[in-house]
Amino acid sequence: MAVEVCSNCFSPRIAPYMGYETGKRFICQDCGHISAVTLEFEDMDALVKVLQVRRDEAGESE
């Protein structure tokens, strides 16, 4: 089952914005980011792996 997430914070809590009147846009319910772009992962495990890599890379750069 595919998981669609916010392109800013990777939250799966996204919703249509403005009823698509201005084109296909989404708003993130966690960070408030509005975008026409979302990221799609194959499943929740794939999302978790990407988030773990991002966390590890952020820890190395400190």
PDB file of N, CA and C in Angstrom:
ATOM      1  N   MET A   1       0.840  -1.179   0.000  1.00  0.00           N
ATOM      2  CA  MET A   1       0.000   0.000   0.000  1.00  0.00           C
ATOM      3  C   MET A   1       0.887   1.244   0.000  1.00  0.00           C
ATOM      4  N   ALA A   2       0.733   2.108  -0.969  1.00  0.00           N
ATOM      5  CA  ALA A   2       1.556   3.308  -1.113  1.00  0.00           C
ATOM      6  C   ALA A   2       1.234   4.320  -0.013  1.00  0.00           C
ATOM      7  N   VAL A   3       2.278   5.050   0.396  1.00  0.00           N
ATOM      8  CA  VAL A   3       2.139   6.085   1.420  1.00  0.00           C
ATOM      9  C   VAL A   3       2.557   7.409   0.800  1.00  0.00           C
ATOM     10  N   GLU A   4       1.675   8.393   0.812  1.00  0.00           N
ATOM     11  CA  GLU A   4       1.956   9.724   0.277  1.00  0.00           C
ATOM     12  C   GLU A   4       2.238  10.661   1.447  1.00  0.00           C
ATOM     13  N   VAL A   5       3.336  11.425   1.357  1.00  0.00           N
ATOM     14  CA  VAL A   5       3.756  12.257   2.482  1.00  0.00           C
ATOM     15  C   VAL A   5       4.085  13.681   2.035  1.00  0.00           C
ATOM     16  N   CYS A   6       4.162  14.564   3.013  1.00  0.00           N
ATOM     17  CA  CYS A   6       4.535  15.964   2.796  1.00  0.00           C
ATOM     18  C   CYS A   6       5.975  16.032   2.290  1.00  0.00           C
ATOM     19  N   SER A   7       6.217  16.856   1.287  1.00  0.00           N
ATOM     20  CA  SER A   7       7.568  16.996   0.735  1.00  0.00           C
ATOM     21  C   SER A   7       8.467  17.835   1.635  1.00  0.00           C
ATOM     22  N   ASN A   8       7.911  18.463   2.651  1.00  0.00           N
ATOM     23  CA  ASN A   8       8.686  19.301   3.564  1.00  0.00           C
ATOM     24  C   ASN A   8       9.107  18.547   4.825  1.00  0.00           C
ATOM     25  N   CYS A   9       8.146  17.869   5.484  1.00  0.00           N
ATOM     26  CA  CYS A   9       8.446  17.239   6.777  1.00  0.00           C
ATOM     27  C   CYS A   9       8.240  15.723   6.784  1.00  0.00           C
ATOM     28  N   PHE A  10       7.825  15.159   5.656  1.00  0.00           N
ATOM     29  CA  PHE A  10       7.620  13.718   5.495  1.00  0.00           C
ATOM     30  C   PHE A  10       6.441  13.176   6.321  1.00  0.00           C
ATOM     31  N   SER A  11       5.532  14.023   6.733  1.00  0.00           N
ATOM     32  CA  SER A  11       4.354  13.583   7.466  1.00  0.00           C
ATOM     33  C   SER A  11       3.322  13.004   6.499  1.00  0.00           C
ATOM     34  N   PRO A  12       2.677  11.904   6.863  1.00  0.00           N
ATOM     35  CA  PRO A  12       1.619  11.359   6.009  1.00  0.00           C
ATOM     36  C   PRO A  12       0.281  12.084   6.201  1.00  0.00           C
ATOM     37  N   ARG A  13       0.244  13.068   7.106  1.00  0.00           N
ATOM     38  CA  ARG A  13      -1.005  13.781   7.384  1.00  0.00           C
ATOM     39  C   ARG A  13      -1.177  14.962   6.423  1.00  0.00           C
ATOM     40  N   ILE A  14      -1.476  14.659   5.148  1.00  0.00           N
ATOM     41  CA  ILE A  14      -1.704  15.685   4.144  1.00  0.00           C
ATOM     42  C   ILE A  14      -3.160  15.638   3.702  1.00  0.00           C
ATOM     43  N   ALA A  15      -3.649  16.783   3.255  1.00  0.00           N
ATOM     44  CA  ALA A  15      -5.046  16.876   2.833  1.00  0.00           C
ATOM     45  C   ALA A  15      -5.142  17.795   1.616  1.00  0.00           C
ATOM     46  N   PRO A  16      -6.171  17.623   0.795  1.00  0.00           N
ATOM     47  CA  PRO A  16      -6.366  18.554  -0.318  1.00  0.00           C
ATOM     48  C   PRO A  16      -6.503  19.977   0.213  1.00  0.00           C
ATOM     49  N   TYR A  17      -5.980  20.942  -0.541  1.00  0.00           N
ATOM     50  CA  TYR A  17      -6.014  22.336  -0.138  1.00  0.00           C
ATOM     51  C   TYR A  17      -6.887  23.125  -1.105  1.00  0.00           C
ATOM     52  N   MET A  18      -7.764  23.913  -0.582  1.00  0.00           N
ATOM     53  CA  MET A  18      -8.645  24.793  -1.365  1.00  0.00           C
ATOM     54  C   MET A  18      -9.552  24.015  -2.318  1.00  0.00           C
ATOM     55  N   GLY A  19      -9.835  22.777  -2.018  1.00  0.00           N
ATOM     56  CA  GLY A  19     -10.750  22.005  -2.852  1.00  0.00           C
ATOM     57  C   GLY A  19     -10.291  21.842  -4.283  1.00  0.00           C
ATOM     58  N   TYR A  20      -8.986  21.946  -4.505  1.00  0.00           N
ATOM     59  CA  TYR A  20      -8.381  21.825  -5.832  1.00  0.00           C
ATOM     60  C   TYR A  20      -8.836  22.914  -6.791  1.00  0.00           C
ATOM     61  N   GLU A  21      -9.422  24.010  -6.270  1.00  0.00           N
ATOM     62  CA  GLU A  21      -9.891  25.087  -7.148  1.00  0.00           C
ATOM     63  C   GLU A  21      -8.736  25.773  -7.869  1.00  0.00           C
ATOM     64  N   THR A  22      -7.579  25.823  -7.241  1.00  0.00           N
ATOM     65  CA  THR A  22      -6.414  26.492  -7.823  1.00  0.00           C
ATOM     66  C   THR A  22      -5.434  25.493  -8.411  1.00  0.00           C
ATOM     67  N   GLY A  23      -5.903  24.318  -8.714  1.00  0.00           N
ATOM     68  CA  GLY A  23      -5.037  23.250  -9.177  1.00  0.00           C
ATOM     69  C   GLY A  23      -4.795  22.286  -8.026  1.00  0.00           C
ATOM     70  N   LYS A  24      -4.201  21.178  -8.308  1.00  0.00           N
ATOM     71  CA  LYS A  24      -3.988  20.156  -7.291  1.00  0.00           C
ATOM     72  C   LYS A  24      -2.925  20.626  -6.299  1.00  0.00           C
ATOM     73  N   ARG A  25      -3.347  20.886  -5.074  1.00  0.00           N
ATOM     74  CA  ARG A  25      -2.440  21.312  -4.012  1.00  0.00           C
ATOM     75  C   ARG A  25      -2.799  20.557  -2.736  1.00  0.00           C
ATOM     76  N   PHE A  26      -1.790  20.407  -1.879  1.00  0.00           N
ATOM     77  CA  PHE A  26      -1.971  19.717  -0.599  1.00  0.00           C
ATOM     78  C   PHE A  26      -1.476  20.606   0.526  1.00  0.00           C
ATOM     79  N   ILE A  27      -2.072  20.456   1.697  1.00  0.00           N
ATOM     80  CA  ILE A  27      -1.581  21.131   2.890  1.00  0.00           C
ATOM     81  C   ILE A  27      -1.237  20.060   3.926  1.00  0.00           C
ATOM     82  N   CYS A  28      -0.103  20.250   4.561  1.00  0.00           N
ATOM     83  CA  CYS A  28       0.324  19.321   5.600  1.00  0.00           C
ATOM     84  C   CYS A  28      -0.328  19.735   6.913  1.00  0.00           C
ATOM     85  N   GLN A  29      -0.952  18.811   7.571  1.00  0.00           N
ATOM     86  CA  GLN A  29      -1.632  19.105   8.830  1.00  0.00           C
ATOM     87  C   GLN A  29      -0.651  19.221   9.990  1.00  0.00           C
ATOM     88  N   ASP A  30       0.614  18.850   9.776  1.00  0.00           N
ATOM     89  CA  ASP A  30       1.611  18.955  10.835  1.00  0.00           C
ATOM     90  C   ASP A  30       2.448  20.235  10.724  1.00  0.00           C
ATOM     91  N   CYS A  31       2.991  20.516   9.526  1.00  0.00           N
ATOM     92  CA  CYS A  31       3.871  21.686   9.398  1.00  0.00           C
ATOM     93  C   CYS A  31       3.208  22.866   8.685  1.00  0.00           C
ATOM     94  N   GLY A  32       2.032  22.657   8.083  1.00  0.00           N
ATOM     95  CA  GLY A  32       1.320  23.738   7.414  1.00  0.00           C
ATOM     96  C   GLY A  32       1.827  24.050   6.012  1.00  0.00           C
ATOM     97  N   HIS A  33       2.783  23.286   5.529  1.00  0.00           N
ATOM     98  CA  HIS A  33       3.358  23.498   4.194  1.00  0.00           C
ATOM     99  C   HIS A  33       2.299  23.229   3.126  1.00  0.00           C
ATOM    100  N   ILE A  34       2.190  24.128   2.151  1.00  0.00           N
ATOM    101  CA  ILE A  34       1.258  23.973   1.035  1.00  0.00           C
ATOM    102  C   ILE A  34       2.079  23.735  -0.219  1.00  0.00           C
ATOM    103  N   SER A  35       1.752  22.670  -0.947  1.00  0.00           N
ATOM    104  CA  SER A  35       2.545  22.310  -2.110  1.00  0.00           C
ATOM    105  C   SER A  35       1.722  21.518  -3.112  1.00  0.00           C
ATOM    106  N   ALA A  36       2.150  21.573  -4.352  1.00  0.00           N
ATOM    107  CA  ALA A  36       1.550  20.739  -5.392  1.00  0.00           C
ATOM    108  C   ALA A  36       2.296  19.410  -5.481  1.00  0.00           C
ATOM    109  N   VAL A  37       3.407  19.299  -4.741  1.00  0.00           N
ATOM    110  CA  VAL A  37       4.261  18.121  -4.801  1.00  0.00           C
ATOM    111  C   VAL A  37       4.184  17.350  -3.491  1.00  0.00           C
ATOM    112  N   THR A  38       3.967  16.057  -3.594  1.00  0.00           N
ATOM    113  CA  THR A  38       4.063  15.160  -2.443  1.00  0.00           C
ATOM    114  C   THR A  38       5.053  14.057  -2.808  1.00  0.00           C
ATOM    115  N   LEU A  39       5.510  13.357  -1.815  1.00  0.00           N
ATOM    116  CA  LEU A  39       6.397  12.219  -2.044  1.00  0.00           C
ATOM    117  C   LEU A  39       5.609  10.940  -1.804  1.00  0.00           C
ATOM    118  N   GLU A  40       5.851   9.950  -2.637  1.00  0.00           N
ATOM    119  CA  GLU A  40       5.132   8.689  -2.480  1.00  0.00           C
ATOM    120  C   GLU A  40       6.127   7.558  -2.257  1.00  0.00           C
ATOM    121  N   PHE A  41       5.866   6.769  -1.237  1.00  0.00           N
ATOM    122  CA  PHE A  41       6.702   5.618  -0.902  1.00  0.00           C
ATOM    123  C   PHE A  41       5.901   4.350  -1.118  1.00  0.00           C
ATOM    124  N   GLU A  42       6.603   3.285  -1.426  1.00  0.00           N
ATOM    125  CA  GLU A  42       5.978   1.996  -1.708  1.00  0.00           C
ATOM    126  C   GLU A  42       5.115   1.517  -0.541  1.00  0.00           C
ATOM    127  N   ASP A  43       5.660   1.685   0.677  1.00  0.00           N
ATOM    128  CA  ASP A  43       4.939   1.287   1.878  1.00  0.00           C
ATOM    129  C   ASP A  43       5.541   2.018   3.077  1.00  0.00           C
ATOM    130  N   MET A  44       4.994   1.800   4.255  1.00  0.00           N
ATOM    131  CA  MET A  44       5.454   2.492   5.455  1.00  0.00           C
ATOM    132  C   MET A  44       6.896   2.110   5.798  1.00  0.00           C
ATOM    133  N   ASP A  45       7.286   0.873   5.529  1.00  0.00           N
ATOM    134  CA  ASP A  45       8.662   0.445   5.803  1.00  0.00           C
ATOM    135  C   ASP A  45       9.668   1.246   4.976  1.00  0.00           C
ATOM    136  N   ALA A  46       9.347   1.533   3.720  1.00  0.00           N
ATOM    137  CA  ALA A  46      10.239   2.320   2.865  1.00  0.00           C
ATOM    138  C   ALA A  46      10.374   3.743   3.414  1.00  0.00           C
ATOM    139  N   LEU A  47       9.286   4.323   3.889  1.00  0.00           N
ATOM    140  CA  LEU A  47       9.326   5.659   4.489  1.00  0.00           C
ATOM    141  C   LEU A  47      10.199   5.655   5.737  1.00  0.00           C
ATOM    142  N   VAL A  48      10.035   4.659   6.592  1.00  0.00           N
ATOM    143  CA  VAL A  48      10.822   4.571   7.827  1.00  0.00           C
ATOM    144  C   VAL A  48      12.312   4.459   7.503  1.00  0.00           C
ATOM    145  N   LYS A  49      12.682   3.689   6.498  1.00  0.00           N
ATOM    146  CA  LYS A  49      14.087   3.552   6.117  1.00  0.00           C
ATOM    147  C   LYS A  49      14.678   4.891   5.678  1.00  0.00           C
ATOM    148  N   VAL A  50      13.936   5.645   4.880  1.00  0.00           N
ATOM    149  CA  VAL A  50      14.410   6.953   4.424  1.00  0.00           C
ATOM    150  C   VAL A  50      14.570   7.896   5.612  1.00  0.00           C
ATOM    151  N   LEU A  51      13.619   7.891   6.521  1.00  0.00           N
ATOM    152  CA  LEU A  51      13.706   8.764   7.692  1.00  0.00           C
ATOM    153  C   LEU A  51      14.889   8.379   8.584  1.00  0.00           C
ATOM    154  N   GLN A  52      15.182   7.103   8.703  1.00  0.00           N
ATOM    155  CA  GLN A  52      16.332   6.667   9.499  1.00  0.00           C
ATOM    156  C   GLN A  52      17.639   7.135   8.865  1.00  0.00           C
ATOM    157  N   VAL A  53      17.745   7.044   7.558  1.00  0.00           N
ATOM    158  CA  VAL A  53      18.942   7.510   6.859  1.00  0.00           C
ATOM    159  C   VAL A  53      19.100   9.014   7.040  1.00  0.00           C
ATOM    160  N   ARG A  54      18.017   9.761   6.899  1.00  0.00           N
ATOM    161  CA  ARG A  54      18.079  11.220   7.089  1.00  0.00           C
ATOM    162  C   ARG A  54      18.518  11.561   8.516  1.00  0.00           C
ATOM    163  N   ARG A  55      18.005  10.838   9.494  1.00  0.00           N
ATOM    164  CA  ARG A  55      18.374  11.081  10.887  1.00  0.00           C
ATOM    165  C   ARG A  55      19.856  10.781  11.099  1.00  0.00           C
ATOM    166  N   ASP A  56      20.323   9.677  10.544  1.00  0.00           N
ATOM    167  CA  ASP A  56      21.723   9.298  10.688  1.00  0.00           C
ATOM    168  C   ASP A  56      22.637  10.308  10.019  1.00  0.00           C
ATOM    169  N   GLU A  57      22.264  10.789   8.842  1.00  0.00           N
ATOM    170  CA  GLU A  57      23.070  11.780   8.139  1.00  0.00           C
ATOM    171  C   GLU A  57      23.101  13.107   8.888  1.00  0.00           C
ATOM    172  N   ALA A  58      21.983  13.483   9.480  1.00  0.00           N
ATOM    173  CA  ALA A  58      21.933  14.724  10.264  1.00  0.00           C
ATOM    174  C   ALA A  58      22.812  14.611  11.509  1.00  0.00           C
ATOM    175  N   GLY A  59      22.870  13.431  12.111  1.00  0.00           N
ATOM    176  CA  GLY A  59      23.709  13.209  13.278  1.00  0.00           C
ATOM    177  C   GLY A  59      25.185  13.278  12.946  1.00  0.00           C
ATOM    178  N   GLU A  60      25.567  12.840  11.761  1.00  0.00           N
ATOM    179  CA  GLU A  60      26.965  12.867  11.333  1.00  0.00           C
ATOM    180  C   GLU A  60      27.451  14.273  11.017  1.00  0.00           C
ATOM    181  N   SER A  61      26.546  15.149  10.577  1.00  0.00           N
ATOM    182  CA  SER A  61      26.949  16.497  10.175  1.00  0.00           C
ATOM    183  C   SER A  61      27.087  17.443  11.364  1.00  0.00           C
ATOM    184  N   GLU A  62      26.698  17.013  12.554  1.00  0.00           N
ATOM    185  CA  GLU A  62      26.791  17.887  13.727  1.00  0.00           C
ATOM    186  C   GLU A  62      28.155  17.879  14.321  1.00  0.00           C
TER     187      GLU A  62
END
